[in-house]
Amino acid sequence: MGAVLGWEGILGGYLSAGRLMPLVPGAMASPFPFYLRVHGRASANARLLADWLAAHAVG
């Protein structure tokens, strides 16, 4: 059990499938874009995560 802060564009499938549940009603739009930079010495797992995030980005 735990809590996660995330974007509906990434977590929407988990919410729809019932694998995650909203902690509170409503959502907030972000007024700023987000950027992802992977360090040159990042681990293979960090690169996999970065690739997954980029593949599921909305906008």
C-alpha atoms as a PDB file:
ATOM      1  CA  MET A   1       0.000   0.000   0.000  1.00  0.00           C
ATOM      2  CA  GLY A   2       1.217   3.504  -0.714  1.00  0.00           C
ATOM      3  CA  ALA A   3       0.542   6.741  -2.529  1.00  0.00           C
ATOM      4  CA  VAL A   4       1.873   8.099  -5.796  1.00  0.00           C
ATOM      5  CA  LEU A   5       1.800  11.517  -7.417  1.00  0.00           C
ATOM      6  CA  GLY A   6       1.597  11.227 -11.179  1.00  0.00           C
ATOM      7  CA  TRP A   7       0.125  12.398 -14.424  1.00  0.00           C
ATOM      8  CA  GLU A   8      -3.145  11.019 -15.767  1.00  0.00           C
ATOM      9  CA  GLY A   9      -1.574  10.637 -19.189  1.00  0.00           C
ATOM     10  CA  ILE A  10       0.893   8.154 -17.747  1.00  0.00           C
ATOM     11  CA  LEU A  11      -1.221   6.556 -15.023  1.00  0.00           C
ATOM     12  CA  GLY A  12      -4.615   6.649 -16.773  1.00  0.00           C
ATOM     13  CA  GLY A  13      -4.476   3.005 -17.854  1.00  0.00           C
ATOM     14  CA  TYR A  14      -3.752   1.906 -14.295  1.00  0.00           C
ATOM     15  CA  LEU A  15      -6.621   4.028 -13.015  1.00  0.00           C
ATOM     16  CA  SER A  16      -9.019   2.640 -15.644  1.00  0.00           C
ATOM     17  CA  ALA A  17      -7.959  -0.923 -14.865  1.00  0.00           C
ATOM     18  CA  GLY A  18      -8.454  -0.388 -11.129  1.00  0.00           C
ATOM     19  CA  ARG A  19      -4.779  -1.055 -10.383  1.00  0.00           C
ATOM     20  CA  LEU A  20      -4.532   2.445  -8.919  1.00  0.00           C
ATOM     21  CA  MET A  21      -7.221   4.492  -7.200  1.00  0.00           C
ATOM     22  CA  PRO A  22      -7.413   8.282  -6.850  1.00  0.00           C
ATOM     23  CA  LEU A  23      -6.544   9.372  -3.333  1.00  0.00           C
ATOM     24  CA  VAL A  24      -8.626  12.548  -3.637  1.00  0.00           C
ATOM     25  CA  PRO A  25     -11.155  13.711  -6.240  1.00  0.00           C
ATOM     26  CA  GLY A  26     -10.078  16.144  -8.910  1.00  0.00           C
ATOM     27  CA  ALA A  27      -6.850  16.926 -10.687  1.00  0.00           C
ATOM     28  CA  MET A  28      -4.586  19.901 -11.252  1.00  0.00           C
ATOM     29  CA  ALA A  29      -3.198  20.987 -14.581  1.00  0.00           C
ATOM     30  CA  SER A  30       0.489  21.820 -14.618  1.00  0.00           C
ATOM     31  CA  PRO A  31       1.203  25.340 -15.823  1.00  0.00           C
ATOM     32  CA  PHE A  32       4.740  24.337 -16.849  1.00  0.00           C
ATOM     33  CA  PRO A  33       6.188  21.780 -19.265  1.00  0.00           C
ATOM     34  CA  PHE A  34       8.394  19.036 -17.924  1.00  0.00           C
ATOM     35  CA  TYR A  35      11.746  17.940 -19.289  1.00  0.00           C
ATOM     36  CA  LEU A  36      13.645  14.725 -18.768  1.00  0.00           C
ATOM     37  CA  ARG A  37      17.403  14.524 -18.928  1.00  0.00           C
ATOM     38  CA  VAL A  38      19.259  11.275 -18.444  1.00  0.00           C
ATOM     39  CA  HIS A  39      22.772  11.458 -17.025  1.00  0.00           C
ATOM     40  CA  GLY A  40      25.463  10.029 -19.275  1.00  0.00           C
ATOM     41  CA  ARG A  41      26.370   7.478 -16.601  1.00  0.00           C
ATOM     42  CA  ALA A  42      22.772   6.517 -15.786  1.00  0.00           C
ATOM     43  CA  SER A  43      22.113   2.844 -15.146  1.00  0.00           C
ATOM     44  CA  ALA A  44      20.367   0.650 -17.680  1.00  0.00           C
ATOM     45  CA  ASN A  45      17.275   0.626 -15.438  1.00  0.00           C
ATOM     46  CA  ALA A  46      17.247   4.434 -15.286  1.00  0.00           C
ATOM     47  CA  ARG A  47      17.440   4.554 -19.076  1.00  0.00           C
ATOM     48  CA  LEU A  48      14.574   2.063 -19.352  1.00  0.00           C
ATOM     49  CA  LEU A  49      12.470   4.259 -17.076  1.00  0.00           C
ATOM     50  CA  ALA A  50      13.354   7.374 -19.077  1.00  0.00           C
ATOM     51  CA  ASP A  51      12.436   5.608 -22.326  1.00  0.00           C
ATOM     52  CA  TRP A  52       9.124   4.446 -20.834  1.00  0.00           C
ATOM     53  CA  LEU A  53       8.274   7.937 -19.586  1.00  0.00           C
ATOM     54  CA  ALA A  54       9.085   9.455 -22.980  1.00  0.00           C
ATOM     55  CA  ALA A  55       6.986   6.847 -24.779  1.00  0.00           C
ATOM     56  CA  HIS A  56       3.974   7.585 -22.558  1.00  0.00           C
ATOM     57  CA  ALA A  57       4.280  11.367 -22.524  1.00  0.00           C
ATOM     58  CA  VAL A  58       1.205  13.299 -23.584  1.00  0.00           C
ATOM     59  CA  GLY A  59       1.528  16.472 -25.604  1.00  0.00           C
END
